Amino acid sequence: MVWDRPPGTPVLARDDFHAPQARVPGHLLTIAHNVPKRLILSRTRDHGIRLAPLGLNGLVLDPRTGVHIAVLAAAARSNADQP
């Protein structure tokens, strides 16, 4: 399972930080600017959240996506315009 980021869509921008008096976390911006355009969301492992119900037998959700999915779910539950 993969996700292709739309062209020209930044992963993270300065406006995404809700701390106007704080220093910009440069290391997070650097990490965000180096995120690949295609993210692989599934892995072949013997443990984890199985993706078989989605027709992806033998694959599990990549554990690194858990934090991101939690943020997206919270944003959807709050009817937020962006996470």
PDB file of N, CA and C in Angstrom:
ATOM      1  N   MET A   1       0.861  -1.152   0.000  1.00  0.00           N
ATOM      2  CA  MET A   1       0.000   0.000   0.000  1.00  0.00           C
ATOM      3  C   MET A   1       0.913   1.222   0.000  1.00  0.00           C
ATOM      4  N   VAL A   2       0.668   2.153  -0.910  1.00  0.00           N
ATOM      5  CA  VAL A   2       1.492   3.356  -1.025  1.00  0.00           C
ATOM      6  C   VAL A   2       0.606   4.587  -1.036  1.00  0.00           C
ATOM      7  N   TRP A   3       1.211   5.720  -0.741  1.00  0.00           N
ATOM      8  CA  TRP A   3       0.538   7.013  -0.840  1.00  0.00           C
ATOM      9  C   TRP A   3       1.447   7.943  -1.611  1.00  0.00           C
ATOM     10  N   ASP A   4       0.922   8.516  -2.683  1.00  0.00           N
ATOM     11  CA  ASP A   4       1.678   9.482  -3.482  1.00  0.00           C
ATOM     12  C   ASP A   4       1.245  10.883  -3.093  1.00  0.00           C
ATOM     13  N   ARG A   5       2.204  11.649  -2.591  1.00  0.00           N
ATOM     14  CA  ARG A   5       1.928  13.030  -2.216  1.00  0.00           C
ATOM     15  C   ARG A   5       1.677  13.849  -3.473  1.00  0.00           C
ATOM     16  N   PRO A   6       0.608  14.653  -3.482  1.00  0.00           N
ATOM     17  CA  PRO A   6       0.346  15.491  -4.653  1.00  0.00           C
ATOM     18  C   PRO A   6       1.520  16.435  -4.931  1.00  0.00           C
ATOM     19  N   PRO A   7       1.844  16.668  -6.207  1.00  0.00           N
ATOM     20  CA  PRO A   7       2.964  17.554  -6.557  1.00  0.00           C
ATOM     21  C   PRO A   7       2.772  18.953  -5.976  1.00  0.00           C
ATOM     22  N   GLY A   8       3.851  19.498  -5.476  1.00  0.00           N
ATOM     23  CA  GLY A   8       3.819  20.865  -4.949  1.00  0.00           C
ATOM     24  C   GLY A   8       3.206  20.989  -3.566  1.00  0.00           C
ATOM     25  N   THR A   9       2.881  19.862  -2.939  1.00  0.00           N
ATOM     26  CA  THR A   9       2.288  19.885  -1.609  1.00  0.00           C
ATOM     27  C   THR A   9       3.383  19.724  -0.569  1.00  0.00           C
ATOM     28  N   PRO A  10       3.601  20.744   0.264  1.00  0.00           N
ATOM     29  CA  PRO A  10       4.632  20.599   1.294  1.00  0.00           C
ATOM     30  C   PRO A  10       4.155  19.646   2.387  1.00  0.00           C
ATOM     31  N   VAL A  11       5.081  18.925   2.964  1.00  0.00           N
ATOM     32  CA  VAL A  11       4.753  18.027   4.066  1.00  0.00           C
ATOM     33  C   VAL A  11       4.533  18.833   5.335  1.00  0.00           C
ATOM     34  N   LEU A  12       5.340  19.854   5.523  1.00  0.00           N
ATOM     35  CA  LEU A  12       5.291  20.660   6.731  1.00  0.00           C
ATOM     36  C   LEU A  12       5.783  22.060   6.393  1.00  0.00           C
ATOM     37  N   ALA A  13       5.125  23.061   6.924  1.00  0.00           N
ATOM     38  CA  ALA A  13       5.526  24.450   6.701  1.00  0.00           C
ATOM     39  C   ALA A  13       5.569  25.186   8.041  1.00  0.00           C
ATOM     40  N   ARG A  14       6.168  26.334   8.070  1.00  0.00           N
ATOM     41  CA  ARG A  14       6.287  27.114   9.310  1.00  0.00           C
ATOM     42  C   ARG A  14       4.915  27.399   9.914  1.00  0.00           C
ATOM     43  N   ASP A  15       3.917  27.630   9.093  1.00  0.00           N
ATOM     44  CA  ASP A  15       2.579  27.934   9.590  1.00  0.00           C
ATOM     45  C   ASP A  15       1.931  26.754  10.311  1.00  0.00           C
ATOM     46  N   ASP A  16       2.491  25.564  10.153  1.00  0.00           N
ATOM     47  CA  ASP A  16       1.941  24.387  10.812  1.00  0.00           C
ATOM     48  C   ASP A  16       2.270  24.346  12.307  1.00  0.00           C
ATOM     49  N   PHE A  17       3.185  25.166  12.766  1.00  0.00           N
ATOM     50  CA  PHE A  17       3.576  25.184  14.171  1.00  0.00           C
ATOM     51  C   PHE A  17       2.759  26.232  14.911  1.00  0.00           C
ATOM     52  N   HIS A  18       2.140  25.813  15.991  1.00  0.00           N
ATOM     53  CA  HIS A  18       1.271  26.693  16.762  1.00  0.00           C
ATOM     54  C   HIS A  18       1.999  27.239  17.980  1.00  0.00           C
ATOM     55  N   ALA A  19       3.155  27.817  17.760  1.00  0.00           N
ATOM     56  CA  ALA A  19       3.957  28.406  18.827  1.00  0.00           C
ATOM     57  C   ALA A  19       4.627  29.660  18.289  1.00  0.00           C
ATOM     58  N   PRO A  20       3.868  30.750  18.148  1.00  0.00           N
ATOM     59  CA  PRO A  20       4.409  31.948  17.507  1.00  0.00           C
ATOM     60  C   PRO A  20       5.623  32.546  18.203  1.00  0.00           C
ATOM     61  N   GLN A  21       5.766  32.350  19.504  1.00  0.00           N
ATOM     62  CA  GLN A  21       6.908  32.916  20.230  1.00  0.00           C
ATOM     63  C   GLN A  21       8.120  31.982  20.242  1.00  0.00           C
ATOM     64  N   ALA A  22       7.926  30.765  19.820  1.00  0.00           N
ATOM     65  CA  ALA A  22       8.999  29.771  19.865  1.00  0.00           C
ATOM     66  C   ALA A  22       9.866  29.824  18.616  1.00  0.00           C
ATOM     67  N   ARG A  23      11.080  29.328  18.764  1.00  0.00           N
ATOM     68  CA  ARG A  23      11.995  29.222  17.633  1.00  0.00           C
ATOM     69  C   ARG A  23      11.527  28.109  16.706  1.00  0.00           C
ATOM     70  N   VAL A  24      11.653  28.309  15.425  1.00  0.00           N
ATOM     71  CA  VAL A  24      11.238  27.303  14.438  1.00  0.00           C
ATOM     72  C   VAL A  24      12.086  26.048  14.621  1.00  0.00           C
ATOM     73  N   PRO A  25      11.435  24.861  14.737  1.00  0.00           N
ATOM     74  CA  PRO A  25      12.205  23.617  14.869  1.00  0.00           C
ATOM     75  C   PRO A  25      12.796  23.215  13.524  1.00  0.00           C
ATOM     76  N   GLY A  26      13.965  23.742  13.240  1.00  0.00           N
ATOM     77  CA  GLY A  26      14.611  23.529  11.953  1.00  0.00           C
ATOM     78  C   GLY A  26      14.811  22.074  11.604  1.00  0.00           C
ATOM     79  N   HIS A  27      15.101  21.226  12.602  1.00  0.00           N
ATOM     80  CA  HIS A  27      15.337  19.809  12.305  1.00  0.00           C
ATOM     81  C   HIS A  27      14.073  19.147  11.770  1.00  0.00           C
ATOM     82  N   LEU A  28      12.886  19.541  12.263  1.00  0.00           N
ATOM     83  CA  LEU A  28      11.645  18.972  11.753  1.00  0.00           C
ATOM     84  C   LEU A  28      11.367  19.439  10.329  1.00  0.00           C
ATOM     85  N   LEU A  29      11.655  20.701  10.045  1.00  0.00           N
ATOM     86  CA  LEU A  29      11.472  21.204   8.682  1.00  0.00           C
ATOM     87  C   LEU A  29      12.408  20.494   7.709  1.00  0.00           C
ATOM     88  N   THR A  30      13.636  20.234   8.143  1.00  0.00           N
ATOM     89  CA  THR A  30      14.595  19.527   7.294  1.00  0.00           C
ATOM     90  C   THR A  30      14.113  18.107   7.008  1.00  0.00           C
ATOM     91  N   ILE A  31      13.648  17.417   8.042  1.00  0.00           N
ATOM     92  CA  ILE A  31      13.125  16.060   7.853  1.00  0.00           C
ATOM     93  C   ILE A  31      11.948  16.095   6.889  1.00  0.00           C
ATOM     94  N   ALA A  32      11.042  17.043   7.087  1.00  0.00           N
ATOM     95  CA  ALA A  32       9.838  17.126   6.256  1.00  0.00           C
ATOM     96  C   ALA A  32      10.179  17.417   4.797  1.00  0.00           C
ATOM     97  N   HIS A  33      11.196  18.230   4.554  1.00  0.00           N
ATOM     98  CA  HIS A  33      11.552  18.558   3.176  1.00  0.00           C
ATOM     99  C   HIS A  33      12.223  17.388   2.458  1.00  0.00           C
ATOM    100  N   ASN A  34      12.651  16.378   3.208  1.00  0.00           N
ATOM    101  CA  ASN A  34      13.313  15.217   2.611  1.00  0.00           C
ATOM    102  C   ASN A  34      12.413  13.982   2.553  1.00  0.00           C
ATOM    103  N   VAL A  35      11.136  14.154   2.816  1.00  0.00           N
ATOM    104  CA  VAL A  35      10.197  13.036   2.734  1.00  0.00           C
ATOM    105  C   VAL A  35       9.995  12.689   1.262  1.00  0.00           C
ATOM    106  N   PRO A  36      10.083  11.421   0.915  1.00  0.00           N
ATOM    107  CA  PRO A  36       9.885  11.046  -0.490  1.00  0.00           C
ATOM    108  C   PRO A  36       8.460  11.307  -0.952  1.00  0.00           C
ATOM    109  N   LYS A  37       8.281  11.459  -2.250  1.00  0.00           N
ATOM    110  CA  LYS A  37       6.943  11.707  -2.798  1.00  0.00           C
ATOM    111  C   LYS A  37       6.061  10.477  -2.662  1.00  0.00           C
ATOM    112  N   ARG A  38       6.634   9.300  -2.668  1.00  0.00           N
ATOM    113  CA  ARG A  38       5.863   8.063  -2.504  1.00  0.00           C
ATOM    114  C   ARG A  38       6.222   7.448  -1.151  1.00  0.00           C
ATOM    115  N   LEU A  39       5.206   7.277  -0.319  1.00  0.00           N
ATOM    116  CA  LEU A  39       5.398   6.653   0.983  1.00  0.00           C
ATOM    117  C   LEU A  39       4.833   5.237   0.947  1.00  0.00           C
ATOM    118  N   ILE A  40       5.607   4.303   1.438  1.00  0.00           N
ATOM    119  CA  ILE A  40       5.157   2.909   1.513  1.00  0.00           C
ATOM    120  C   ILE A  40       4.546   2.709   2.892  1.00  0.00           C
ATOM    121  N   LEU A  41       3.262   2.362   2.917  1.00  0.00           N
ATOM    122  CA  LEU A  41       2.521   2.257   4.163  1.00  0.00           C
ATOM    123  C   LEU A  41       2.377   0.822   4.655  1.00  0.00           C
ATOM    124  N   SER A  42       2.822  -0.145   3.886  1.00  0.00           N
ATOM    125  CA  SER A  42       2.678  -1.539   4.288  1.00  0.00           C
ATOM    126  C   SER A  42       4.041  -2.221   4.277  1.00  0.00           C
ATOM    127  N   ARG A  43       4.139  -3.266   5.087  1.00  0.00           N
ATOM    128  CA  ARG A  43       5.383  -4.039   5.188  1.00  0.00           C
ATOM    129  C   ARG A  43       5.037  -5.518   5.263  1.00  0.00           C
ATOM    130  N   THR A  44       5.989  -6.353   4.906  1.00  0.00           N
ATOM    131  CA  THR A  44       5.810  -7.794   5.072  1.00  0.00           C
ATOM    132  C   THR A  44       6.474  -8.176   6.389  1.00  0.00           C
ATOM    133  N   ARG A  45       5.656  -8.339   7.408  1.00  0.00           N
ATOM    134  CA  ARG A  45       6.131  -8.729   8.736  1.00  0.00           C
ATOM    135  C   ARG A  45       5.160  -9.746   9.313  1.00  0.00           C
ATOM    136  N   ASP A  46       5.623 -10.472  10.295  1.00  0.00           N
ATOM    137  CA  ASP A  46       4.748 -11.473  10.900  1.00  0.00           C
ATOM    138  C   ASP A  46       3.930 -10.920  12.059  1.00  0.00           C
ATOM    139  N   HIS A  47       4.115  -9.663  12.405  1.00  0.00           N
ATOM    140  CA  HIS A  47       3.330  -9.062  13.482  1.00  0.00           C
ATOM    141  C   HIS A  47       2.967  -7.629  13.098  1.00  0.00           C
ATOM    142  N   GLY A  48       1.888  -7.146  13.651  1.00  0.00           N
ATOM    143  CA  GLY A  48       1.429  -5.792  13.355  1.00  0.00           C
ATOM    144  C   GLY A  48      -0.042  -5.792  12.985  1.00  0.00           C
ATOM    145  N   ILE A  49      -0.530  -4.638  12.583  1.00  0.00           N
ATOM    146  CA  ILE A  49      -1.927  -4.506  12.170  1.00  0.00           C
ATOM    147  C   ILE A  49      -2.049  -5.073  10.765  1.00  0.00           C
ATOM    148  N   ARG A  50      -2.736  -6.178  10.659  1.00  0.00           N
ATOM    149  CA  ARG A  50      -2.856  -6.888   9.390  1.00  0.00           C
ATOM    150  C   ARG A  50      -3.736  -6.130   8.405  1.00  0.00           C
ATOM    151  N   LEU A  51      -3.322  -6.143   7.144  1.00  0.00           N
ATOM    152  CA  LEU A  51      -4.061  -5.462   6.079  1.00  0.00           C
ATOM    153  C   LEU A  51      -4.848  -6.441   5.214  1.00  0.00           C
ATOM    154  N   ALA A  52      -4.961  -7.689   5.665  1.00  0.00           N
ATOM    155  CA  ALA A  52      -5.714  -8.702   4.915  1.00  0.00           C
ATOM    156  C   ALA A  52      -7.167  -8.280   4.671  1.00  0.00           C
ATOM    157  N   PRO A  53      -7.838  -7.611   5.629  1.00  0.00           N
ATOM    158  CA  PRO A  53      -9.218  -7.184   5.350  1.00  0.00           C
ATOM    159  C   PRO A  53      -9.328  -6.222   4.155  1.00  0.00           C
ATOM    160  N   LEU A  54      -8.202  -5.601   3.788  1.00  0.00           N
ATOM    161  CA  LEU A  54      -8.185  -4.702   2.631  1.00  0.00           C
ATOM    162  C   LEU A  54      -7.730  -5.429   1.366  1.00  0.00           C
ATOM    163  N   GLY A  55      -7.546  -6.751   1.480  1.00  0.00           N
ATOM    164  CA  GLY A  55      -7.101  -7.531   0.328  1.00  0.00           C
ATOM    165  C   GLY A  55      -5.596  -7.593   0.189  1.00  0.00           C
ATOM    166  N   LEU A  56      -4.867  -7.165   1.202  1.00  0.00           N
ATOM    167  CA  LEU A  56      -3.408  -7.166   1.156  1.00  0.00           C
ATOM    168  C   LEU A  56      -2.884  -8.267   2.074  1.00  0.00           C
ATOM    169  N   ASN A  57      -3.086  -9.497   1.652  1.00  0.00           N
ATOM    170  CA  ASN A  57      -2.681 -10.652   2.451  1.00  0.00           C
ATOM    171  C   ASN A  57      -1.174 -10.678   2.668  1.00  0.00           C
ATOM    172  N   GLY A  58      -0.770 -10.989   3.902  1.00  0.00           N
ATOM    173  CA  GLY A  58       0.647 -11.073   4.238  1.00  0.00           C
ATOM    174  C   GLY A  58       1.285  -9.739   4.560  1.00  0.00           C
ATOM    175  N   LEU A  59       0.549  -8.648   4.454  1.00  0.00           N
ATOM    176  CA  LEU A  59       1.103  -7.327   4.744  1.00  0.00           C
ATOM    177  C   LEU A  59       0.523  -6.776   6.034  1.00  0.00           C
ATOM    178  N   VAL A  60       1.323  -5.961   6.717  1.00  0.00           N
ATOM    179  CA  VAL A  60       0.858  -5.249   7.904  1.00  0.00           C
ATOM    180  C   VAL A  60       1.128  -3.762   7.704  1.00  0.00           C
ATOM    181  N   LEU A  61       0.437  -2.960   8.481  1.00  0.00           N
ATOM    182  CA  LEU A  61       0.648  -1.517   8.432  1.00  0.00           C
ATOM    183  C   LEU A  61       2.039  -1.203   8.957  1.00  0.00           C
ATOM    184  N   ASP A  62       2.777  -0.398   8.242  1.00  0.00           N
ATOM    185  CA  ASP A  62       4.111  -0.005   8.688  1.00  0.00           C
ATOM    186  C   ASP A  62       3.964   0.727  10.023  1.00  0.00           C
ATOM    187  N   PRO A  63       4.662   0.277  11.081  1.00  0.00           N
ATOM    188  CA  PRO A  63       4.490   0.898  12.394  1.00  0.00           C
ATOM    189  C   PRO A  63       4.831   2.386  12.412  1.00  0.00           C
ATOM    190  N   ARG A  64       5.663   2.834  11.497  1.00  0.00           N
ATOM    191  CA  ARG A  64       6.027   4.259  11.474  1.00  0.00           C
ATOM    192  C   ARG A  64       4.872   5.148  11.036  1.00  0.00           C
ATOM    193  N   THR A  65       3.848   4.565  10.446  1.00  0.00           N
ATOM    194  CA  THR A  65       2.705   5.368  10.012  1.00  0.00           C
ATOM    195  C   THR A  65       1.700   5.601  11.121  1.00  0.00           C
ATOM    196  N   GLY A  66       1.835   4.887  12.234  1.00  0.00           N
ATOM    197  CA  GLY A  66       0.862   4.975  13.320  1.00  0.00           C
ATOM    198  C   GLY A  66       0.660   6.380  13.853  1.00  0.00           C
ATOM    199  N   VAL A  67       1.735   7.105  14.080  1.00  0.00           N
ATOM    200  CA  VAL A  67       1.625   8.468  14.607  1.00  0.00           C
ATOM    201  C   VAL A  67       0.890   9.356  13.612  1.00  0.00           C
ATOM    202  N   HIS A  68       1.216   9.224  12.349  1.00  0.00           N
ATOM    203  CA  HIS A  68       0.597  10.050  11.322  1.00  0.00           C
ATOM    204  C   HIS A  68      -0.888   9.742  11.181  1.00  0.00           C
ATOM    205  N   ILE A  69      -1.217   8.462  11.228  1.00  0.00           N
ATOM    206  CA  ILE A  69      -2.618   8.069  11.103  1.00  0.00           C
ATOM    207  C   ILE A  69      -3.424   8.569  12.295  1.00  0.00           C
ATOM    208  N   ALA A  70      -2.827   8.545  13.487  1.00  0.00           N
ATOM    209  CA  ALA A  70      -3.519   9.058  14.674  1.00  0.00           C
ATOM    210  C   ALA A  70      -3.823  10.547  14.526  1.00  0.00           C
ATOM    211  N   VAL A  71      -2.874  11.302  13.990  1.00  0.00           N
ATOM    212  CA  VAL A  71      -3.079  12.740  13.778  1.00  0.00           C
ATOM    213  C   VAL A  71      -4.173  12.970  12.741  1.00  0.00           C
ATOM    214  N   LEU A  72      -4.141  12.221  11.648  1.00  0.00           N
ATOM    215  CA  LEU A  72      -5.174  12.357  10.620  1.00  0.00           C
ATOM    216  C   LEU A  72      -6.554  11.994  11.161  1.00  0.00           C
ATOM    217  N   ALA A  73      -6.619  10.946  11.987  1.00  0.00           N
ATOM    218  CA  ALA A  73      -7.902  10.541  12.569  1.00  0.00           C
ATOM    219  C   ALA A  73      -8.427  11.612  13.522  1.00  0.00           C
ATOM    220  N   ALA A  74      -7.547  12.197  14.325  1.00  0.00           N
ATOM    221  CA  ALA A  74      -7.970  13.256  15.243  1.00  0.00           C
ATOM    222  C   ALA A  74      -8.455  14.482  14.477  1.00  0.00           C
ATOM    223  N   ALA A  75      -7.788  14.810  13.387  1.00  0.00           N
ATOM    224  CA  ALA A  75      -8.208  15.950  12.571  1.00  0.00           C
ATOM    225  C   ALA A  75      -9.571  15.679  11.938  1.00  0.00           C
ATOM    226  N   ALA A  76      -9.777  14.461  11.445  1.00  0.00           N
ATOM    227  CA  ALA A  76     -11.065  14.117  10.839  1.00  0.00           C
ATOM    228  C   ALA A  76     -12.179  14.154  11.880  1.00  0.00           C
ATOM    229  N   ARG A  77     -11.892  13.646  13.071  1.00  0.00           N
ATOM    230  CA  ARG A  77     -12.904  13.637  14.141  1.00  0.00           C
ATOM    231  C   ARG A  77     -13.262  15.065  14.576  1.00  0.00           C
ATOM    232  N   SER A  78     -12.299  15.967  14.499  1.00  0.00           N
ATOM    233  CA  SER A  78     -12.541  17.361  14.899  1.00  0.00           C
ATOM    234  C   SER A  78     -13.037  18.230  13.757  1.00  0.00           C
ATOM    235  N   ASN A  79     -13.212  17.643  12.568  1.00  0.00           N
ATOM    236  CA  ASN A  79     -13.596  18.391  11.366  1.00  0.00           C
ATOM    237  C   ASN A  79     -12.640  19.534  11.069  1.00  0.00           C
ATOM    238  N   ALA A  80     -11.346  19.292  11.310  1.00  0.00           N
ATOM    239  CA  ALA A  80     -10.322  20.302  11.061  1.00  0.00           C
ATOM    240  C   ALA A  80     -10.015  20.404   9.567  1.00  0.00           C
ATOM    241  N   ASP A  81      -9.659  21.592   9.120  1.00  0.00           N
ATOM    242  CA  ASP A  81      -9.296  21.789   7.719  1.00  0.00           C
ATOM    243  C   ASP A  81      -7.985  21.092   7.387  1.00  0.00           C
ATOM    244  N   GLN A  82      -7.058  21.046   8.359  1.00  0.00           N
ATOM    245  CA  GLN A  82      -5.799  20.376   8.168  1.00  0.00           C
ATOM    246  C   GLN A  82      -5.351  19.817   9.508  1.00  0.00           C
ATOM    247  N   PRO A  83      -4.562  18.755   9.488  1.00  0.00           N
ATOM    248  CA  PRO A  83      -4.118  18.143  10.759  1.00  0.00           C
ATOM    249  C   PRO A  83      -3.224  19.088  11.555  1.00  0.00           C
TER     250      PRO A  83
END
